[in-house]
Every structure is written in structure tokens, then in C-alpha cells.
Amino acid sequence: MTPGAPRGQPARGTRIARTKDAEMEKPSWLRRIGWLVLIYAAGVITVGVAAVLIRMLMSAAGMTVPH
């Protein structure tokens, strides 16, 4: 370990430090948008499933809307 470097981290300018910097690049905008869409879709599906389950429970309990 080089003097002056934080504990457990390689000194700046070393090959290990450059490799870690390259690995920590920001993900592409397409990947970020993909995650956003995936999380949004999962949330919508979860709310939909919860609504259907509540509706089924209410129907089973006799709580129906008159026609």
C-alpha cells in the first residue's frame, strides 16, 4: 500500500486504481431507461394483481355491485 492512500484502496495512478475506475463507469442511458421501464411495469402489474385479489375477496364475501 502506498503512503497517503486511504486504507483498503490502491493509490491513484496505479494499474489497480485505473481498472476500478473503468469498472465503475456509468451505465448507458439505454440501460437506465430499460431499468426504469422494468420497474414501472413491475409496479403496475403488482397493483393490478392486488386489485384483482381484493375484488375476488369482496365478491366471495358477497360485496358485489348491483347491476
PDB file of N, CA and C in Angstrom:
ATOM      1  N   MET A   1       0.850  -1.169   0.000  1.00  0.00           N
ATOM      2  CA  MET A   1       0.000   0.000   0.000  1.00  0.00           C
ATOM      3  C   MET A   1       0.895   1.230   0.000  1.00  0.00           C
ATOM      4  N   THR A   2       0.520   2.231  -0.736  1.00  0.00           N
ATOM      5  CA  THR A   2       1.293   3.449  -0.861  1.00  0.00           C
ATOM      6  C   THR A   2       0.942   4.404   0.264  1.00  0.00           C
ATOM      7  N   PRO A   3       1.953   5.084   0.835  1.00  0.00           N
ATOM      8  CA  PRO A   3       1.631   6.057   1.889  1.00  0.00           C
ATOM      9  C   PRO A   3       0.714   7.145   1.342  1.00  0.00           C
ATOM     10  N   GLY A   4      -0.273   7.544   2.138  1.00  0.00           N
ATOM     11  CA  GLY A   4      -1.196   8.591   1.723  1.00  0.00           C
ATOM     12  C   GLY A   4      -2.460   8.058   1.082  1.00  0.00           C
ATOM     13  N   ALA A   5      -2.477   6.806   0.691  1.00  0.00           N
ATOM     14  CA  ALA A   5      -3.672   6.220   0.087  1.00  0.00           C
ATOM     15  C   ALA A   5      -4.631   5.819   1.204  1.00  0.00           C
ATOM     16  N   PRO A   6      -5.955   6.002   0.979  1.00  0.00           N
ATOM     17  CA  PRO A   6      -6.924   5.565   2.002  1.00  0.00           C
ATOM     18  C   PRO A   6      -6.785   4.076   2.269  1.00  0.00           C
ATOM     19  N   ARG A   7      -7.076   3.705   3.490  1.00  0.00           N
ATOM     20  CA  ARG A   7      -6.948   2.303   3.890  1.00  0.00           C
ATOM     21  C   ARG A   7      -7.821   1.389   3.038  1.00  0.00           C
ATOM     22  N   GLY A   8      -7.257   0.332   2.519  1.00  0.00           N
ATOM     23  CA  GLY A   8      -8.003  -0.641   1.748  1.00  0.00           C
ATOM     24  C   GLY A   8      -8.213  -0.254   0.296  1.00  0.00           C
ATOM     25  N   GLN A   9      -7.693   0.893  -0.127  1.00  0.00           N
ATOM     26  CA  GLN A   9      -7.841   1.314  -1.512  1.00  0.00           C
ATOM     27  C   GLN A   9      -6.462   1.551  -2.116  1.00  0.00           C
ATOM     28  N   PRO A  10      -6.289   1.209  -3.385  1.00  0.00           N
ATOM     29  CA  PRO A  10      -4.996   1.448  -4.016  1.00  0.00           C
ATOM     30  C   PRO A  10      -4.778   2.941  -4.266  1.00  0.00           C
ATOM     31  N   ALA A  11      -3.511   3.308  -4.372  1.00  0.00           N
ATOM     32  CA  ALA A  11      -3.165   4.701  -4.648  1.00  0.00           C
ATOM     33  C   ALA A  11      -3.605   5.073  -6.053  1.00  0.00           C
ATOM     34  N   ARG A  12      -3.932   6.366  -6.252  1.00  0.00           N
ATOM     35  CA  ARG A  12      -4.340   6.832  -7.579  1.00  0.00           C
ATOM     36  C   ARG A  12      -3.174   6.659  -8.540  1.00  0.00           C
ATOM     37  N   GLY A  13      -3.513   6.351  -9.779  1.00  0.00           N
ATOM     38  CA  GLY A  13      -2.489   6.216 -10.805  1.00  0.00           C
ATOM     39  C   GLY A  13      -1.932   4.812 -10.934  1.00  0.00           C
ATOM     40  N   THR A  14      -2.285   3.934 -10.009  1.00  0.00           N
ATOM     41  CA  THR A  14      -1.808   2.562 -10.128  1.00  0.00           C
ATOM     42  C   THR A  14      -2.705   1.800 -11.088  1.00  0.00           C
ATOM     43  N   ARG A  15      -2.230   0.695 -11.574  1.00  0.00           N
ATOM     44  CA  ARG A  15      -3.000  -0.098 -12.530  1.00  0.00           C
ATOM     45  C   ARG A  15      -4.314  -0.577 -11.918  1.00  0.00           C
ATOM     46  N   ILE A  16      -4.279  -0.919 -10.636  1.00  0.00           N
ATOM     47  CA  ILE A  16      -5.495  -1.401  -9.972  1.00  0.00           C
ATOM     48  C   ILE A  16      -6.513  -0.274  -9.890  1.00  0.00           C
ATOM     49  N   ALA A  17      -6.069   0.931  -9.539  1.00  0.00           N
ATOM     50  CA  ALA A  17      -6.989   2.066  -9.432  1.00  0.00           C
ATOM     51  C   ALA A  17      -7.611   2.382 -10.781  1.00  0.00           C
ATOM     52  N   ARG A  18      -6.833   2.349 -11.857  1.00  0.00           N
ATOM     53  CA  ARG A  18      -7.383   2.630 -13.186  1.00  0.00           C
ATOM     54  C   ARG A  18      -8.395   1.568 -13.579  1.00  0.00           C
ATOM     55  N   THR A  19      -8.147   0.331 -13.225  1.00  0.00           N
ATOM     56  CA  THR A  19      -9.078  -0.747 -13.545  1.00  0.00           C
ATOM     57  C   THR A  19     -10.393  -0.534 -12.791  1.00  0.00           C
ATOM     58  N   LYS A  20     -10.326  -0.167 -11.525  1.00  0.00           N
ATOM     59  CA  LYS A  20     -11.544   0.060 -10.745  1.00  0.00           C
ATOM     60  C   LYS A  20     -12.323   1.246 -11.301  1.00  0.00           C
ATOM     61  N   ASP A  21     -11.630   2.306 -11.726  1.00  0.00           N
ATOM     62  CA  ASP A  21     -12.309   3.456 -12.322  1.00  0.00           C
ATOM     63  C   ASP A  21     -13.040   3.046 -13.596  1.00  0.00           C
ATOM     64  N   ALA A  22     -12.427   2.211 -14.410  1.00  0.00           N
ATOM     65  CA  ALA A  22     -13.053   1.764 -15.658  1.00  0.00           C
ATOM     66  C   ALA A  22     -14.273   0.893 -15.373  1.00  0.00           C
ATOM     67  N   GLU A  23     -14.211   0.090 -14.314  1.00  0.00           N
ATOM     68  CA  GLU A  23     -15.335  -0.779 -13.971  1.00  0.00           C
ATOM     69  C   GLU A  23     -16.512   0.024 -13.433  1.00  0.00           C
ATOM     70  N   MET A  24     -16.264   1.203 -12.894  1.00  0.00           N
ATOM     71  CA  MET A  24     -17.308   1.995 -12.264  1.00  0.00           C
ATOM     72  C   MET A  24     -17.911   3.028 -13.214  1.00  0.00           C
ATOM     73  N   GLU A  25     -17.783   2.833 -14.520  1.00  0.00           N
ATOM     74  CA  GLU A  25     -18.381   3.746 -15.476  1.00  0.00           C
ATOM     75  C   GLU A  25     -19.892   3.757 -15.316  1.00  0.00           C
ATOM     76  N   LYS A  26     -20.505   4.900 -15.656  1.00  0.00           N
ATOM     77  CA  LYS A  26     -21.955   4.987 -15.587  1.00  0.00           C
ATOM     78  C   LYS A  26     -22.562   4.068 -16.639  1.00  0.00           C
ATOM     79  N   PRO A  27     -23.667   3.409 -16.307  1.00  0.00           N
ATOM     80  CA  PRO A  27     -24.340   2.579 -17.304  1.00  0.00           C
ATOM     81  C   PRO A  27     -24.900   3.464 -18.424  1.00  0.00           C
ATOM     82  N   SER A  28     -25.048   2.906 -19.582  1.00  0.00           N
ATOM     83  CA  SER A  28     -25.551   3.669 -20.721  1.00  0.00           C
ATOM     84  C   SER A  28     -26.982   4.125 -20.460  1.00  0.00           C
ATOM     85  N   TRP A  29     -27.406   5.177 -21.170  1.00  0.00           N
ATOM     86  CA  TRP A  29     -28.757   5.715 -20.985  1.00  0.00           C
ATOM     87  C   TRP A  29     -29.801   4.686 -21.368  1.00  0.00           C
ATOM     88  N   LEU A  30     -29.494   3.835 -22.352  1.00  0.00           N
ATOM     89  CA  LEU A  30     -30.445   2.808 -22.765  1.00  0.00           C
ATOM     90  C   LEU A  30     -30.683   1.807 -21.630  1.00  0.00           C
ATOM     91  N   ARG A  31     -29.622   1.457 -20.932  1.00  0.00           N
ATOM     92  CA  ARG A  31     -29.755   0.527 -19.811  1.00  0.00           C
ATOM     93  C   ARG A  31     -30.550   1.174 -18.675  1.00  0.00           C
ATOM     94  N   ARG A  32     -30.317   2.466 -18.432  1.00  0.00           N
ATOM     95  CA  ARG A  32     -31.061   3.164 -17.385  1.00  0.00           C
ATOM     96  C   ARG A  32     -32.545   3.233 -17.726  1.00  0.00           C
ATOM     97  N   ILE A  33     -32.864   3.546 -18.969  1.00  0.00           N
ATOM     98  CA  ILE A  33     -34.258   3.613 -19.399  1.00  0.00           C
ATOM     99  C   ILE A  33     -34.891   2.221 -19.299  1.00  0.00           C
ATOM    100  N   GLY A  34     -34.137   1.199 -19.656  1.00  0.00           N
ATOM    101  CA  GLY A  34     -34.636  -0.170 -19.554  1.00  0.00           C
ATOM    102  C   GLY A  34     -35.022  -0.527 -18.124  1.00  0.00           C
ATOM    103  N   TRP A  35     -34.167  -0.163 -17.165  1.00  0.00           N
ATOM    104  CA  TRP A  35     -34.482  -0.435 -15.762  1.00  0.00           C
ATOM    105  C   TRP A  35     -35.708   0.353 -15.324  1.00  0.00           C
ATOM    106  N   LEU A  36     -35.801   1.603 -15.765  1.00  0.00           N
ATOM    107  CA  LEU A  36     -36.951   2.434 -15.413  1.00  0.00           C
ATOM    108  C   LEU A  36     -38.240   1.796 -15.902  1.00  0.00           C
ATOM    109  N   VAL A  37     -38.249   1.349 -17.149  1.00  0.00           N
ATOM    110  CA  VAL A  37     -39.438   0.721 -17.731  1.00  0.00           C
ATOM    111  C   VAL A  37     -39.760  -0.584 -16.994  1.00  0.00           C
ATOM    112  N   LEU A  38     -38.734  -1.358 -16.689  1.00  0.00           N
ATOM    113  CA  LEU A  38     -38.936  -2.629 -15.991  1.00  0.00           C
ATOM    114  C   LEU A  38     -39.539  -2.414 -14.604  1.00  0.00           C
ATOM    115  N   ILE A  39     -39.009  -1.459 -13.860  1.00  0.00           N
ATOM    116  CA  ILE A  39     -39.521  -1.185 -12.517  1.00  0.00           C
ATOM    117  C   ILE A  39     -40.955  -0.641 -12.590  1.00  0.00           C
ATOM    118  N   TYR A  40     -41.218   0.236 -13.560  1.00  0.00           N
ATOM    119  CA  TYR A  40     -42.569   0.786 -13.738  1.00  0.00           C
ATOM    120  C   TYR A  40     -43.558  -0.337 -14.059  1.00  0.00           C
ATOM    121  N   ALA A  41     -43.198  -1.197 -15.001  1.00  0.00           N
ATOM    122  CA  ALA A  41     -44.080  -2.296 -15.400  1.00  0.00           C
ATOM    123  C   ALA A  41     -44.334  -3.242 -14.226  1.00  0.00           C
ATOM    124  N   ALA A  42     -43.305  -3.528 -13.449  1.00  0.00           N
ATOM    125  CA  ALA A  42     -43.477  -4.408 -12.290  1.00  0.00           C
ATOM    126  C   ALA A  42     -44.429  -3.785 -11.275  1.00  0.00           C
ATOM    127  N   GLY A  43     -44.343  -2.476 -11.096  1.00  0.00           N
ATOM    128  CA  GLY A  43     -45.246  -1.793 -10.172  1.00  0.00           C
ATOM    129  C   GLY A  43     -46.683  -1.833 -10.649  1.00  0.00           C
ATOM    130  N   VAL A  44     -46.892  -1.593 -11.939  1.00  0.00           N
ATOM    131  CA  VAL A  44     -48.249  -1.621 -12.497  1.00  0.00           C
ATOM    132  C   VAL A  44     -48.838  -3.024 -12.389  1.00  0.00           C
ATOM    133  N   ILE A  45     -48.058  -4.021 -12.704  1.00  0.00           N
ATOM    134  CA  ILE A  45     -48.536  -5.407 -12.616  1.00  0.00           C
ATOM    135  C   ILE A  45     -48.873  -5.761 -11.165  1.00  0.00           C
ATOM    136  N   THR A  46     -48.036  -5.347 -10.228  1.00  0.00           N
ATOM    137  CA  THR A  46     -48.276  -5.637  -8.808  1.00  0.00           C
ATOM    138  C   THR A  46     -49.577  -5.001  -8.333  1.00  0.00           C
ATOM    139  N   VAL A  47     -49.808  -3.740  -8.697  1.00  0.00           N
ATOM    140  CA  VAL A  47     -51.050  -3.072  -8.303  1.00  0.00           C
ATOM    141  C   VAL A  47     -52.247  -3.760  -8.953  1.00  0.00           C
ATOM    142  N   GLY A  48     -52.113  -4.171 -10.197  1.00  0.00           N
ATOM    143  CA  GLY A  48     -53.196  -4.875 -10.884  1.00  0.00           C
ATOM    144  C   GLY A  48     -53.541  -6.194 -10.216  1.00  0.00           C
ATOM    145  N   VAL A  49     -52.528  -6.952  -9.851  1.00  0.00           N
ATOM    146  CA  VAL A  49     -52.757  -8.235  -9.175  1.00  0.00           C
ATOM    147  C   VAL A  49     -53.431  -8.001  -7.821  1.00  0.00           C
ATOM    148  N   ALA A  50     -52.972  -6.989  -7.086  1.00  0.00           N
ATOM    149  CA  ALA A  50     -53.583  -6.682  -5.784  1.00  0.00           C
ATOM    150  C   ALA A  50     -55.050  -6.293  -5.963  1.00  0.00           C
ATOM    151  N   ALA A  51     -55.367  -5.512  -6.988  1.00  0.00           N
ATOM    152  CA  ALA A  51     -56.752  -5.094  -7.237  1.00  0.00           C
ATOM    153  C   ALA A  51     -57.637  -6.296  -7.561  1.00  0.00           C
ATOM    154  N   VAL A  52     -57.129  -7.203  -8.384  1.00  0.00           N
ATOM    155  CA  VAL A  52     -57.908  -8.394  -8.735  1.00  0.00           C
ATOM    156  C   VAL A  52     -58.144  -9.251  -7.495  1.00  0.00           C
ATOM    157  N   LEU A  53     -57.125  -9.422  -6.668  1.00  0.00           N
ATOM    158  CA  LEU A  53     -57.289 -10.228  -5.451  1.00  0.00           C
ATOM    159  C   LEU A  53     -58.306  -9.596  -4.501  1.00  0.00           C
ATOM    160  N   ILE A  54     -58.245  -8.288  -4.330  1.00  0.00           N
ATOM    161  CA  ILE A  54     -59.216  -7.615  -3.458  1.00  0.00           C
ATOM    162  C   ILE A  54     -60.623  -7.766  -4.019  1.00  0.00           C
ATOM    163  N   ARG A  55     -60.759  -7.624  -5.330  1.00  0.00           N
ATOM    164  CA  ARG A  55     -62.080  -7.769  -5.952  1.00  0.00           C
ATOM    165  C   ARG A  55     -62.628  -9.190  -5.744  1.00  0.00           C
ATOM    166  N   MET A  56     -61.747 -10.197  -5.894  1.00  0.00           N
ATOM    167  CA  MET A  56     -62.175 -11.581  -5.683  1.00  0.00           C
ATOM    168  C   MET A  56     -62.604 -11.802  -4.231  1.00  0.00           C
ATOM    169  N   LEU A  57     -61.852 -11.257  -3.282  1.00  0.00           N
ATOM    170  CA  LEU A  57     -62.213 -11.403  -1.869  1.00  0.00           C
ATOM    171  C   LEU A  57     -63.543 -10.718  -1.566  1.00  0.00           C
ATOM    172  N   MET A  58     -63.752  -9.543  -2.137  1.00  0.00           N
ATOM    173  CA  MET A  58     -65.010  -8.834  -1.902  1.00  0.00           C
ATOM    174  C   MET A  58     -66.186  -9.586  -2.523  1.00  0.00           C
ATOM    175  N   SER A  59     -65.991 -10.168  -3.703  1.00  0.00           N
ATOM    176  CA  SER A  59     -67.060 -10.951  -4.332  1.00  0.00           C
ATOM    177  C   SER A  59     -67.368 -12.191  -3.510  1.00  0.00           C
ATOM    178  N   ALA A  60     -66.337 -12.826  -2.981  1.00  0.00           N
ATOM    179  CA  ALA A  60     -66.538 -14.024  -2.169  1.00  0.00           C
ATOM    180  C   ALA A  60     -67.276 -13.709  -0.884  1.00  0.00           C
ATOM    181  N   ALA A  61     -67.104 -12.493  -0.380  1.00  0.00           N
ATOM    182  CA  ALA A  61     -67.781 -12.078   0.856  1.00  0.00           C
ATOM    183  C   ALA A  61     -69.192 -11.554   0.578  1.00  0.00           C
ATOM    184  N   GLY A  62     -69.593 -11.525  -0.688  1.00  0.00           N
ATOM    185  CA  GLY A  62     -70.946 -11.081  -1.031  1.00  0.00           C
ATOM    186  C   GLY A  62     -71.043  -9.586  -1.273  1.00  0.00           C
ATOM    187  N   MET A  63     -69.940  -8.932  -1.387  1.00  0.00           N
ATOM    188  CA  MET A  63     -69.940  -7.486  -1.625  1.00  0.00           C
ATOM    189  C   MET A  63     -69.847  -7.239  -3.120  1.00  0.00           C
ATOM    190  N   THR A  64     -70.982  -7.313  -3.800  1.00  0.00           N
ATOM    191  CA  THR A  64     -70.985  -7.106  -5.244  1.00  0.00           C
ATOM    192  C   THR A  64     -71.734  -5.823  -5.574  1.00  0.00           C
ATOM    193  N   VAL A  65     -71.466  -5.306  -6.751  1.00  0.00           N
ATOM    194  CA  VAL A  65     -72.135  -4.106  -7.218  1.00  0.00           C
ATOM    195  C   VAL A  65     -73.434  -4.526  -7.885  1.00  0.00           C
ATOM    196  N   PRO A  66     -74.584  -3.913  -7.499  1.00  0.00           N
ATOM    197  CA  PRO A  66     -75.855  -4.284  -8.135  1.00  0.00           C
ATOM    198  C   PRO A  66     -75.851  -3.869  -9.609  1.00  0.00           C
ATOM    199  N   HIS A  67     -76.473  -4.696 -10.423  1.00  0.00           N
ATOM    200  CA  HIS A  67     -76.495  -4.402 -11.870  1.00  0.00           C
ATOM    201  C   HIS A  67     -77.709  -3.638 -12.239  1.00  0.00           C
TER     202      HIS A  67
END
